[in-house]
Amino acid sequence: MITNLPVIDMIATGRNIDRLRKDAGLTVKELQIFFGFGTPQAIYKWQHGKAMPTIDNLVVLAMIFDVSVDEILVVDMDTKANISA
C-alpha cells in the first residue's frame, strides 16, 4: 500500500546537524570525543545525510545543541512511503 506519510529528509537533517554544530562552536572532533566514537565517520555520515543518528544520539545532540529533536529533524510531508503490514 502506498500512502502519504511523513518521511525524514536525511540530506536536510544532515545540513541541520552541521549548522547546529557550527552554531554551538563545536568541531566534529569534539562531537566524536563527546560520543566516545573511535573515528569521526558517524558524524560525517550524519552531516552528509548518509546515515541518521540513533534515537538516543538524537536526544543527546538536542541536549548539546540546546534545541528540541524536532529542530534537528527535517520532515517531508509530501513523500509517498510504501507501507506493508
PDB file of N, CA and C in Angstrom:
ATOM      1  N   MET A   1       0.845  -1.176   0.000  1.00  0.00           N
ATOM      2  CA  MET A   1       0.000   0.000   0.000  1.00  0.00           C
ATOM      3  C   MET A   1       0.889   1.237   0.000  1.00  0.00           C
ATOM      4  N   ILE A   2       0.588   2.185  -0.858  1.00  0.00           N
ATOM      5  CA  ILE A   2       1.340   3.436  -0.911  1.00  0.00           C
ATOM      6  C   ILE A   2       0.447   4.536  -0.367  1.00  0.00           C
ATOM      7  N   THR A   3       1.018   5.317   0.518  1.00  0.00           N
ATOM      8  CA  THR A   3       0.254   6.377   1.155  1.00  0.00           C
ATOM      9  C   THR A   3       1.180   7.553   1.460  1.00  0.00           C
ATOM     10  N   ASN A   4       0.618   8.711   1.708  1.00  0.00           N
ATOM     11  CA  ASN A   4       1.420   9.862   2.099  1.00  0.00           C
ATOM     12  C   ASN A   4       1.662   9.823   3.596  1.00  0.00           C
ATOM     13  N   LEU A   5       2.903   9.635   3.959  1.00  0.00           N
ATOM     14  CA  LEU A   5       3.314   9.628   5.360  1.00  0.00           C
ATOM     15  C   LEU A   5       4.536  10.518   5.491  1.00  0.00           C
ATOM     16  N   PRO A   6       4.749  11.080   6.659  1.00  0.00           N
ATOM     17  CA  PRO A   6       5.956  11.894   6.828  1.00  0.00           C
ATOM     18  C   PRO A   6       7.210  11.027   6.700  1.00  0.00           C
ATOM     19  N   VAL A   7       8.205  11.570   6.015  1.00  0.00           N
ATOM     20  CA  VAL A   7       9.478  10.893   5.821  1.00  0.00           C
ATOM     21  C   VAL A   7      10.587  11.865   6.209  1.00  0.00           C
ATOM     22  N   ILE A   8      11.588  11.385   6.921  1.00  0.00           N
ATOM     23  CA  ILE A   8      12.701  12.243   7.308  1.00  0.00           C
ATOM     24  C   ILE A   8      13.577  12.513   6.088  1.00  0.00           C
ATOM     25  N   ASP A   9      13.825  13.785   5.818  1.00  0.00           N
ATOM     26  CA  ASP A   9      14.729  14.203   4.749  1.00  0.00           C
ATOM     27  C   ASP A   9      16.145  14.133   5.320  1.00  0.00           C
ATOM     28  N   MET A  10      16.874  13.087   4.960  1.00  0.00           N
ATOM     29  CA  MET A  10      18.184  12.843   5.567  1.00  0.00           C
ATOM     30  C   MET A  10      19.209  13.911   5.177  1.00  0.00           C
ATOM     31  N   ILE A  11      19.154  14.392   3.939  1.00  0.00           N
ATOM     32  CA  ILE A  11      20.112  15.412   3.498  1.00  0.00           C
ATOM     33  C   ILE A  11      19.886  16.709   4.268  1.00  0.00           C
ATOM     34  N   ALA A  12      18.635  17.166   4.337  1.00  0.00           N
ATOM     35  CA  ALA A  12      18.331  18.413   5.050  1.00  0.00           C
ATOM     36  C   ALA A  12      18.596  18.264   6.546  1.00  0.00           C
ATOM     37  N   THR A  13      18.314  17.100   7.105  1.00  0.00           N
ATOM     38  CA  THR A  13      18.602  16.852   8.516  1.00  0.00           C
ATOM     39  C   THR A  13      20.109  16.911   8.757  1.00  0.00           C
ATOM     40  N   GLY A  14      20.881  16.340   7.848  1.00  0.00           N
ATOM     41  CA  GLY A  14      22.337  16.394   7.955  1.00  0.00           C
ATOM     42  C   GLY A  14      22.853  17.822   7.923  1.00  0.00           C
ATOM     43  N   ARG A  15      22.270  18.631   7.042  1.00  0.00           N
ATOM     44  CA  ARG A  15      22.661  20.054   6.982  1.00  0.00           C
ATOM     45  C   ARG A  15      22.327  20.748   8.301  1.00  0.00           C
ATOM     46  N   ASN A  16      21.196  20.382   8.898  1.00  0.00           N
ATOM     47  CA  ASN A  16      20.835  20.951  10.201  1.00  0.00           C
ATOM     48  C   ASN A  16      21.865  20.586  11.258  1.00  0.00           C
ATOM     49  N   ILE A  17      22.266  19.320  11.285  1.00  0.00           N
ATOM     50  CA  ILE A  17      23.255  18.875  12.271  1.00  0.00           C
ATOM     51  C   ILE A  17      24.552  19.646  12.081  1.00  0.00           C
ATOM     52  N   ASP A  18      24.990  19.804  10.841  1.00  0.00           N
ATOM     53  CA  ASP A  18      26.217  20.547  10.546  1.00  0.00           C
ATOM     54  C   ASP A  18      26.092  21.998  11.016  1.00  0.00           C
ATOM     55  N   ARG A  19      24.978  22.635  10.675  1.00  0.00           N
ATOM     56  CA  ARG A  19      24.768  24.041  11.059  1.00  0.00           C
ATOM     57  C   ARG A  19      24.694  24.204  12.571  1.00  0.00           C
ATOM     58  N   LEU A  20      23.947  23.329  13.226  1.00  0.00           N
ATOM     59  CA  LEU A  20      23.804  23.413  14.681  1.00  0.00           C
ATOM     60  C   LEU A  20      25.134  23.168  15.387  1.00  0.00           C
ATOM     61  N   ARG A  21      25.933  22.264  14.848  1.00  0.00           N
ATOM     62  CA  ARG A  21      27.262  22.005  15.423  1.00  0.00           C
ATOM     63  C   ARG A  21      28.123  23.261  15.330  1.00  0.00           C
ATOM     64  N   LYS A  22      28.114  23.875  14.160  1.00  0.00           N
ATOM     65  CA  LYS A  22      28.909  25.091  13.953  1.00  0.00           C
ATOM     66  C   LYS A  22      28.384  26.240  14.820  1.00  0.00           C
ATOM     67  N   ASP A  23      27.048  26.372  14.898  1.00  0.00           N
ATOM     68  CA  ASP A  23      26.452  27.418  15.738  1.00  0.00           C
ATOM     69  C   ASP A  23      26.843  27.242  17.204  1.00  0.00           C
ATOM     70  N   ALA A  24      27.025  25.986  17.621  1.00  0.00           N
ATOM     71  CA  ALA A  24      27.412  25.692  19.007  1.00  0.00           C
ATOM     72  C   ALA A  24      28.920  25.870  19.217  1.00  0.00           C
ATOM     73  N   GLY A  25      29.640  26.150  18.131  1.00  0.00           N
ATOM     74  CA  GLY A  25      31.078  26.343  18.233  1.00  0.00           C
ATOM     75  C   GLY A  25      31.849  25.055  18.457  1.00  0.00           C
ATOM     76  N   LEU A  26      31.294  23.944  17.989  1.00  0.00           N
ATOM     77  CA  LEU A  26      31.923  22.638  18.190  1.00  0.00           C
ATOM     78  C   LEU A  26      32.528  22.116  16.894  1.00  0.00           C
ATOM     79  N   THR A  27      33.614  21.383  17.028  1.00  0.00           N
ATOM     80  CA  THR A  27      34.206  20.718  15.882  1.00  0.00           C
ATOM     81  C   THR A  27      33.666  19.290  15.803  1.00  0.00           C
ATOM     82  N   VAL A  28      33.870  18.672  14.658  1.00  0.00           N
ATOM     83  CA  VAL A  28      33.488  17.264  14.517  1.00  0.00           C
ATOM     84  C   VAL A  28      34.271  16.434  15.524  1.00  0.00           C
ATOM     85  N   LYS A  29      35.540  16.747  15.703  1.00  0.00           N
ATOM     86  CA  LYS A  29      36.389  16.011  16.654  1.00  0.00           C
ATOM     87  C   LYS A  29      35.814  16.106  18.069  1.00  0.00           C
ATOM     88  N   GLU A  30      35.340  17.279  18.459  1.00  0.00           N
ATOM     89  CA  GLU A  30      34.762  17.437  19.799  1.00  0.00           C
ATOM     90  C   GLU A  30      33.505  16.581  19.964  1.00  0.00           C
ATOM     91  N   LEU A  31      32.655  16.534  18.919  1.00  0.00           N
ATOM     92  CA  LEU A  31      31.472  15.667  18.994  1.00  0.00           C
ATOM     93  C   LEU A  31      31.891  14.205  19.059  1.00  0.00           C
ATOM     94  N   GLN A  32      32.896  13.836  18.279  1.00  0.00           N
ATOM     95  CA  GLN A  32      33.401  12.466  18.292  1.00  0.00           C
ATOM     96  C   GLN A  32      33.831  12.079  19.698  1.00  0.00           C
ATOM     97  N   ILE A  33      34.568  12.936  20.351  1.00  0.00           N
ATOM     98  CA  ILE A  33      35.039  12.669  21.712  1.00  0.00           C
ATOM     99  C   ILE A  33      33.855  12.587  22.673  1.00  0.00           C
ATOM    100  N   PHE A  34      32.904  13.513  22.538  1.00  0.00           N
ATOM    101  CA  PHE A  34      31.742  13.530  23.423  1.00  0.00           C
ATOM    102  C   PHE A  34      30.977  12.215  23.345  1.00  0.00           C
ATOM    103  N   PHE A  35      30.790  11.707  22.109  1.00  0.00           N
ATOM    104  CA  PHE A  35      30.041  10.463  21.925  1.00  0.00           C
ATOM    105  C   PHE A  35      30.897   9.228  22.187  1.00  0.00           C
ATOM    106  N   GLY A  36      32.193   9.394  22.297  1.00  0.00           N
ATOM    107  CA  GLY A  36      33.080   8.269  22.545  1.00  0.00           C
ATOM    108  C   GLY A  36      33.318   7.417  21.312  1.00  0.00           C
ATOM    109  N   PHE A  37      33.152   8.015  20.120  1.00  0.00           N
ATOM    110  CA  PHE A  37      33.381   7.290  18.873  1.00  0.00           C
ATOM    111  C   PHE A  37      34.881   7.192  18.616  1.00  0.00           C
ATOM    112  N   GLY A  38      35.324   6.062  18.067  1.00  0.00           N
ATOM    113  CA  GLY A  38      36.735   5.874  17.740  1.00  0.00           C
ATOM    114  C   GLY A  38      37.182   6.703  16.553  1.00  0.00           C
ATOM    115  N   THR A  39      36.238   6.975  15.647  1.00  0.00           N
ATOM    116  CA  THR A  39      36.528   7.795  14.466  1.00  0.00           C
ATOM    117  C   THR A  39      35.375   8.785  14.280  1.00  0.00           C
ATOM    118  N   PRO A  40      35.578   9.823  13.465  1.00  0.00           N
ATOM    119  CA  PRO A  40      34.512  10.802  13.239  1.00  0.00           C
ATOM    120  C   PRO A  40      33.539  10.391  12.133  1.00  0.00           C
ATOM    121  N   GLN A  41      33.701   9.206  11.574  1.00  0.00           N
ATOM    122  CA  GLN A  41      32.916   8.819  10.396  1.00  0.00           C
ATOM    123  C   GLN A  41      31.405   8.886  10.609  1.00  0.00           C
ATOM    124  N   ALA A  42      30.916   8.476  11.767  1.00  0.00           N
ATOM    125  CA  ALA A  42      29.463   8.514  12.019  1.00  0.00           C
ATOM    126  C   ALA A  42      28.947   9.942  11.928  1.00  0.00           C
ATOM    127  N   ILE A  43      29.686  10.882  12.498  1.00  0.00           N
ATOM    128  CA  ILE A  43      29.246  12.278  12.485  1.00  0.00           C
ATOM    129  C   ILE A  43      29.255  12.821  11.059  1.00  0.00           C
ATOM    130  N   TYR A  44      30.299  12.506  10.300  1.00  0.00           N
ATOM    131  CA  TYR A  44      30.329  12.935   8.896  1.00  0.00           C
ATOM    132  C   TYR A  44      29.168  12.324   8.110  1.00  0.00           C
ATOM    133  N   LYS A  45      28.845  11.061   8.374  1.00  0.00           N
ATOM    134  CA  LYS A  45      27.709  10.421   7.697  1.00  0.00           C
ATOM    135  C   LYS A  45      26.410  11.124   8.051  1.00  0.00           C
ATOM    136  N   TRP A  46      26.247  11.512   9.325  1.00  0.00           N
ATOM    137  CA  TRP A  46      25.045  12.260   9.721  1.00  0.00           C
ATOM    138  C   TRP A  46      24.973  13.562   8.939  1.00  0.00           C
ATOM    139  N   GLN A  47      26.084  14.301   8.927  1.00  0.00           N
ATOM    140  CA  GLN A  47      26.112  15.628   8.311  1.00  0.00           C
ATOM    141  C   GLN A  47      25.901  15.588   6.804  1.00  0.00           C
ATOM    142  N   HIS A  48      26.283  14.483   6.164  1.00  0.00           N
ATOM    143  CA  HIS A  48      26.125  14.359   4.718  1.00  0.00           C
ATOM    144  C   HIS A  48      24.845  13.630   4.325  1.00  0.00           C
ATOM    145  N   GLY A  49      24.006  13.290   5.304  1.00  0.00           N
ATOM    146  CA  GLY A  49      22.734  12.637   5.014  1.00  0.00           C
ATOM    147  C   GLY A  49      22.884  11.197   4.570  1.00  0.00           C
ATOM    148  N   LYS A  50      24.008  10.571   4.882  1.00  0.00           N
ATOM    149  CA  LYS A  50      24.244   9.171   4.512  1.00  0.00           C
ATOM    150  C   LYS A  50      23.715   8.213   5.573  1.00  0.00           C
ATOM    151  N   ALA A  51      23.539   8.710   6.795  1.00  0.00           N
ATOM    152  CA  ALA A  51      23.028   7.908   7.908  1.00  0.00           C
ATOM    153  C   ALA A  51      22.346   8.840   8.892  1.00  0.00           C
ATOM    154  N   MET A  52      21.474   8.265   9.698  1.00  0.00           N
ATOM    155  CA  MET A  52      20.793   9.041  10.738  1.00  0.00           C
ATOM    156  C   MET A  52      21.329   8.642  12.105  1.00  0.00           C
ATOM    157  N   PRO A  53      21.424   9.613  13.013  1.00  0.00           N
ATOM    158  CA  PRO A  53      21.778   9.247  14.384  1.00  0.00           C
ATOM    159  C   PRO A  53      20.691   8.350  14.965  1.00  0.00           C
ATOM    160  N   THR A  54      21.072   7.468  15.878  1.00  0.00           N
ATOM    161  CA  THR A  54      20.072   6.677  16.584  1.00  0.00           C
ATOM    162  C   THR A  54      19.215   7.625  17.411  1.00  0.00           C
ATOM    163  N   ILE A  55      18.094   7.136  17.887  1.00  0.00           N
ATOM    164  CA  ILE A  55      17.195   7.983  18.677  1.00  0.00           C
ATOM    165  C   ILE A  55      17.902   8.518  19.915  1.00  0.00           C
ATOM    166  N   ASP A  56      18.655   7.676  20.601  1.00  0.00           N
ATOM    167  CA  ASP A  56      19.341   8.158  21.799  1.00  0.00           C
ATOM    168  C   ASP A  56      20.403   9.191  21.441  1.00  0.00           C
ATOM    169  N   ASN A  57      21.088   9.027  20.307  1.00  0.00           N
ATOM    170  CA  ASN A  57      22.061  10.030  19.888  1.00  0.00           C
ATOM    171  C   ASN A  57      21.388  11.327  19.462  1.00  0.00           C
ATOM    172  N   LEU A  58      20.187  11.235  18.875  1.00  0.00           N
ATOM    173  CA  LEU A  58      19.424  12.448  18.546  1.00  0.00           C
ATOM    174  C   LEU A  58      19.078  13.231  19.811  1.00  0.00           C
ATOM    175  N   VAL A  59      18.688  12.512  20.845  1.00  0.00           N
ATOM    176  CA  VAL A  59      18.349  13.167  22.119  1.00  0.00           C
ATOM    177  C   VAL A  59      19.583  13.858  22.696  1.00  0.00           C
ATOM    178  N   VAL A  60      20.734  13.201  22.616  1.00  0.00           N
ATOM    179  CA  VAL A  60      21.979  13.806  23.114  1.00  0.00           C
ATOM    180  C   VAL A  60      22.353  15.019  22.274  1.00  0.00           C
ATOM    181  N   LEU A  61      22.231  14.912  20.935  1.00  0.00           N
ATOM    182  CA  LEU A  61      22.514  16.069  20.082  1.00  0.00           C
ATOM    183  C   LEU A  61      21.622  17.244  20.445  1.00  0.00           C
ATOM    184  N   ALA A  62      20.339  16.977  20.673  1.00  0.00           N
ATOM    185  CA  ALA A  62      19.414  18.043  21.054  1.00  0.00           C
ATOM    186  C   ALA A  62      19.872  18.708  22.348  1.00  0.00           C
ATOM    187  N   MET A  63      20.339  17.914  23.294  1.00  0.00           N
ATOM    188  CA  MET A  63      20.834  18.467  24.555  1.00  0.00           C
ATOM    189  C   MET A  63      22.087  19.310  24.315  1.00  0.00           C
ATOM    190  N   ILE A  64      23.028  18.778  23.530  1.00  0.00           N
ATOM    191  CA  ILE A  64      24.268  19.501  23.248  1.00  0.00           C
ATOM    192  C   ILE A  64      23.981  20.828  22.553  1.00  0.00           C
ATOM    193  N   PHE A  65      23.081  20.797  21.566  1.00  0.00           N
ATOM    194  CA  PHE A  65      22.781  21.989  20.778  1.00  0.00           C
ATOM    195  C   PHE A  65      21.735  22.888  21.430  1.00  0.00           C
ATOM    196  N   ASP A  66      21.143  22.425  22.537  1.00  0.00           N
ATOM    197  CA  ASP A  66      20.107  23.162  23.248  1.00  0.00           C
ATOM    198  C   ASP A  66      18.904  23.475  22.346  1.00  0.00           C
ATOM    199  N   VAL A  67      18.462  22.426  21.642  1.00  0.00           N
ATOM    200  CA  VAL A  67      17.283  22.522  20.784  1.00  0.00           C
ATOM    201  C   VAL A  67      16.437  21.271  21.017  1.00  0.00           C
ATOM    202  N   SER A  68      15.248  21.241  20.445  1.00  0.00           N
ATOM    203  CA  SER A  68      14.431  20.031  20.519  1.00  0.00           C
ATOM    204  C   SER A  68      14.842  19.093  19.384  1.00  0.00           C
ATOM    205  N   VAL A  69      14.500  17.827  19.512  1.00  0.00           N
ATOM    206  CA  VAL A  69      14.764  16.864  18.447  1.00  0.00           C
ATOM    207  C   VAL A  69      14.055  17.314  17.168  1.00  0.00           C
ATOM    208  N   ASP A  70      12.867  17.898  17.303  1.00  0.00           N
ATOM    209  CA  ASP A  70      12.123  18.393  16.146  1.00  0.00           C
ATOM    210  C   ASP A  70      12.883  19.468  15.378  1.00  0.00           C
ATOM    211  N   GLU A  71      13.732  20.215  16.077  1.00  0.00           N
ATOM    212  CA  GLU A  71      14.517  21.251  15.411  1.00  0.00           C
ATOM    213  C   GLU A  71      15.712  20.667  14.663  1.00  0.00           C
ATOM    214  N   ILE A  72      16.058  19.431  14.929  1.00  0.00           N
ATOM    215  CA  ILE A  72      17.151  18.760  14.219  1.00  0.00           C
ATOM    216  C   ILE A  72      16.613  18.063  12.972  1.00  0.00           C
ATOM    217  N   LEU A  73      15.507  17.371  13.134  1.00  0.00           N
ATOM    218  CA  LEU A  73      14.928  16.592  12.036  1.00  0.00           C
ATOM    219  C   LEU A  73      14.181  17.474  11.048  1.00  0.00           C
ATOM    220  N   VAL A  74      14.333  17.158   9.766  1.00  0.00           N
ATOM    221  CA  VAL A  74      13.553  17.812   8.715  1.00  0.00           C
ATOM    222  C   VAL A  74      12.632  16.747   8.142  1.00  0.00           C
ATOM    223  N   VAL A  75      11.339  17.001   8.234  1.00  0.00           N
ATOM    224  CA  VAL A  75      10.345  16.026   7.808  1.00  0.00           C
ATOM    225  C   VAL A  75       9.689  16.486   6.515  1.00  0.00           C
ATOM    226  N   ASP A  76       9.632  15.585   5.549  1.00  0.00           N
ATOM    227  CA  ASP A  76       8.979  15.835   4.266  1.00  0.00           C
ATOM    228  C   ASP A  76       7.601  15.194   4.333  1.00  0.00           C
ATOM    229  N   MET A  77       6.584  16.012   4.301  1.00  0.00           N
ATOM    230  CA  MET A  77       5.210  15.514   4.419  1.00  0.00           C
ATOM    231  C   MET A  77       4.624  15.073   3.077  1.00  0.00           C
ATOM    232  N   ASP A  78       5.320  15.355   1.971  1.00  0.00           N
ATOM    233  CA  ASP A  78       4.761  15.080   0.652  1.00  0.00           C
ATOM    234  C   ASP A  78       5.307  13.828  -0.014  1.00  0.00           C
ATOM    235  N   THR A  79       6.239  13.147   0.619  1.00  0.00           N
ATOM    236  CA  THR A  79       6.827  11.950   0.028  1.00  0.00           C
ATOM    237  C   THR A  79       5.899  10.762   0.224  1.00  0.00           C
ATOM    238  N   LYS A  80       5.777   9.968  -0.799  1.00  0.00           N
ATOM    239  CA  LYS A  80       4.959   8.753  -0.688  1.00  0.00           C
ATOM    240  C   LYS A  80       5.815   7.642  -0.113  1.00  0.00           C
ATOM    241  N   ALA A  81       5.313   7.019   0.904  1.00  0.00           N
ATOM    242  CA  ALA A  81       6.020   5.916   1.552  1.00  0.00           C
ATOM    243  C   ALA A  81       5.305   4.602   1.242  1.00  0.00           C
ATOM    244  N   ASN A  82       6.058   3.567   1.027  1.00  0.00           N
ATOM    245  CA  ASN A  82       5.491   2.254   0.779  1.00  0.00           C
ATOM    246  C   ASN A  82       5.367   1.536   2.113  1.00  0.00           C
ATOM    247  N   ILE A  83       4.163   1.275   2.547  1.00  0.00           N
ATOM    248  CA  ILE A  83       3.904   0.657   3.844  1.00  0.00           C
ATOM    249  C   ILE A  83       3.331  -0.734   3.621  1.00  0.00           C
ATOM    250  N   SER A  84       3.939  -1.697   4.282  1.00  0.00           N
ATOM    251  CA  SER A  84       3.371  -3.044   4.207  1.00  0.00           C
ATOM    252  C   SER A  84       3.201  -3.582   5.624  1.00  0.00           C
ATOM    253  N   ALA A  85       2.147  -4.293   5.839  1.00  0.00           N
ATOM    254  CA  ALA A  85       1.849  -4.814   7.176  1.00  0.00           C
ATOM    255  C   ALA A  85       2.330  -6.224   7.328  1.00  0.00           C
TER     256      ALA A  85
END
